[in-house]
Amino acid sequence: MRLQNLSSKPASPTLTFAQRPAGARAADPLEHPGDPLPLDGKALSVTLKPREIRTILVRFAS
């Protein structure tokens, strides 16, 4: 998924999923996997710099 902070201030959104993700990773714009991101049950909290666009890969169990 892509997240974009349209604000000129940092943002710290928390995404809550309907089901618990099996994992989440940061990624570059071409979706090459990067570092794992910590999950808290069904929630994923991220920090976005002003005007930042971030790519995050979220994996769910089958």
C-alpha atoms as a PDB file:
ATOM      1  CA  MET A   1       0.000   0.000   0.000  1.00  0.00           C
ATOM      2  CA  ARG A   2       1.043   3.607  -0.369  1.00  0.00           C
ATOM      3  CA  LEU A   3       0.608   6.212   2.331  1.00  0.00           C
ATOM      4  CA  GLN A   4       1.008   9.912   1.676  1.00  0.00           C
ATOM      5  CA  ASN A   5       1.277  12.722   4.191  1.00  0.00           C
ATOM      6  CA  LEU A   6      -0.165  15.795   2.477  1.00  0.00           C
ATOM      7  CA  SER A   7       0.612  17.960   5.488  1.00  0.00           C
ATOM      8  CA  SER A   8       3.649  20.162   6.064  1.00  0.00           C
ATOM      9  CA  LYS A   9       3.946  18.531   9.519  1.00  0.00           C
ATOM     10  CA  PRO A  10       4.963  14.973  10.505  1.00  0.00           C
ATOM     11  CA  ALA A  11       2.116  12.475  10.858  1.00  0.00           C
ATOM     12  CA  SER A  12       1.793   9.221  12.824  1.00  0.00           C
ATOM     13  CA  PRO A  13      -1.200   7.282  11.493  1.00  0.00           C
ATOM     14  CA  THR A  14      -2.238   3.877  12.823  1.00  0.00           C
ATOM     15  CA  LEU A  15      -3.783   1.486  10.311  1.00  0.00           C
ATOM     16  CA  THR A  16      -6.194  -1.134  11.654  1.00  0.00           C
ATOM     17  CA  PHE A  17      -6.937  -4.163   9.499  1.00  0.00           C
ATOM     18  CA  ALA A  18     -10.029  -6.400   9.593  1.00  0.00           C
ATOM     19  CA  GLN A  19      -7.827  -9.437  10.133  1.00  0.00           C
ATOM     20  CA  ARG A  20      -4.418  -9.819  11.710  1.00  0.00           C
ATOM     21  CA  PRO A  21      -1.584  -9.422   9.167  1.00  0.00           C
ATOM     22  CA  ALA A  22       1.085 -12.131   9.053  1.00  0.00           C
ATOM     23  CA  GLY A  23       3.731  -9.454   8.498  1.00  0.00           C
ATOM     24  CA  ALA A  24       4.520  -5.978   7.248  1.00  0.00           C
ATOM     25  CA  ARG A  25       7.654  -4.546   5.636  1.00  0.00           C
ATOM     26  CA  ALA A  26       8.819  -1.168   4.452  1.00  0.00           C
ATOM     27  CA  ALA A  27       9.478  -1.078   0.707  1.00  0.00           C
ATOM     28  CA  ASP A  28      10.952   1.193  -1.922  1.00  0.00           C
ATOM     29  CA  PRO A  29       8.727   2.746  -4.630  1.00  0.00           C
ATOM     30  CA  LEU A  30       9.292  -0.339  -6.829  1.00  0.00           C
ATOM     31  CA  GLU A  31       8.021  -2.526  -3.961  1.00  0.00           C
ATOM     32  CA  HIS A  32      11.352  -4.199  -3.193  1.00  0.00           C
ATOM     33  CA  PRO A  33      11.004  -5.419   0.414  1.00  0.00           C
ATOM     34  CA  GLY A  34      12.914  -3.587   3.119  1.00  0.00           C
ATOM     35  CA  ASP A  35      12.993  -3.770   6.898  1.00  0.00           C
ATOM     36  CA  PRO A  36      10.192  -5.482   8.832  1.00  0.00           C
ATOM     37  CA  LEU A  37       7.688  -3.186  10.541  1.00  0.00           C
ATOM     38  CA  PRO A  38       6.305  -3.972  13.996  1.00  0.00           C
ATOM     39  CA  LEU A  39       2.670  -4.991  14.209  1.00  0.00           C
ATOM     40  CA  ASP A  40       0.470  -4.759  17.283  1.00  0.00           C
ATOM     41  CA  GLY A  41      -2.229  -7.342  16.642  1.00  0.00           C
ATOM     42  CA  LYS A  42      -4.338  -5.934  13.800  1.00  0.00           C
ATOM     43  CA  ALA A  43      -2.679  -2.491  14.001  1.00  0.00           C
ATOM     44  CA  LEU A  44       0.297  -0.990  12.190  1.00  0.00           C
ATOM     45  CA  SER A  45       1.625   2.397  13.302  1.00  0.00           C
ATOM     46  CA  VAL A  46       3.912   4.382  11.015  1.00  0.00           C
ATOM     47  CA  THR A  47       5.588   7.765  11.053  1.00  0.00           C
ATOM     48  CA  LEU A  48       5.509   9.961   7.960  1.00  0.00           C
ATOM     49  CA  LYS A  49       7.669  12.999   7.354  1.00  0.00           C
ATOM     50  CA  PRO A  50       6.038  16.121   5.892  1.00  0.00           C
ATOM     51  CA  ARG A  51       4.899  15.465   2.281  1.00  0.00           C
ATOM     52  CA  GLU A  52       6.320  11.925   2.443  1.00  0.00           C
ATOM     53  CA  ILE A  53       5.033   9.004   0.392  1.00  0.00           C
ATOM     54  CA  ARG A  54       5.776   5.558   1.875  1.00  0.00           C
ATOM     55  CA  THR A  55       5.291   2.116   0.410  1.00  0.00           C
ATOM     56  CA  ILE A  56       4.413  -0.680   2.818  1.00  0.00           C
ATOM     57  CA  LEU A  57       3.970  -4.347   1.979  1.00  0.00           C
ATOM     58  CA  VAL A  58       1.422  -6.156   4.158  1.00  0.00           C
ATOM     59  CA  ARG A  59       1.077  -9.932   4.047  1.00  0.00           C
ATOM     60  CA  PHE A  60      -1.937 -11.888   5.298  1.00  0.00           C
ATOM     61  CA  ALA A  61      -2.115 -15.609   6.029  1.00  0.00           C
ATOM     62  CA  SER A  62      -4.072 -17.675   3.500  1.00  0.00           C
END
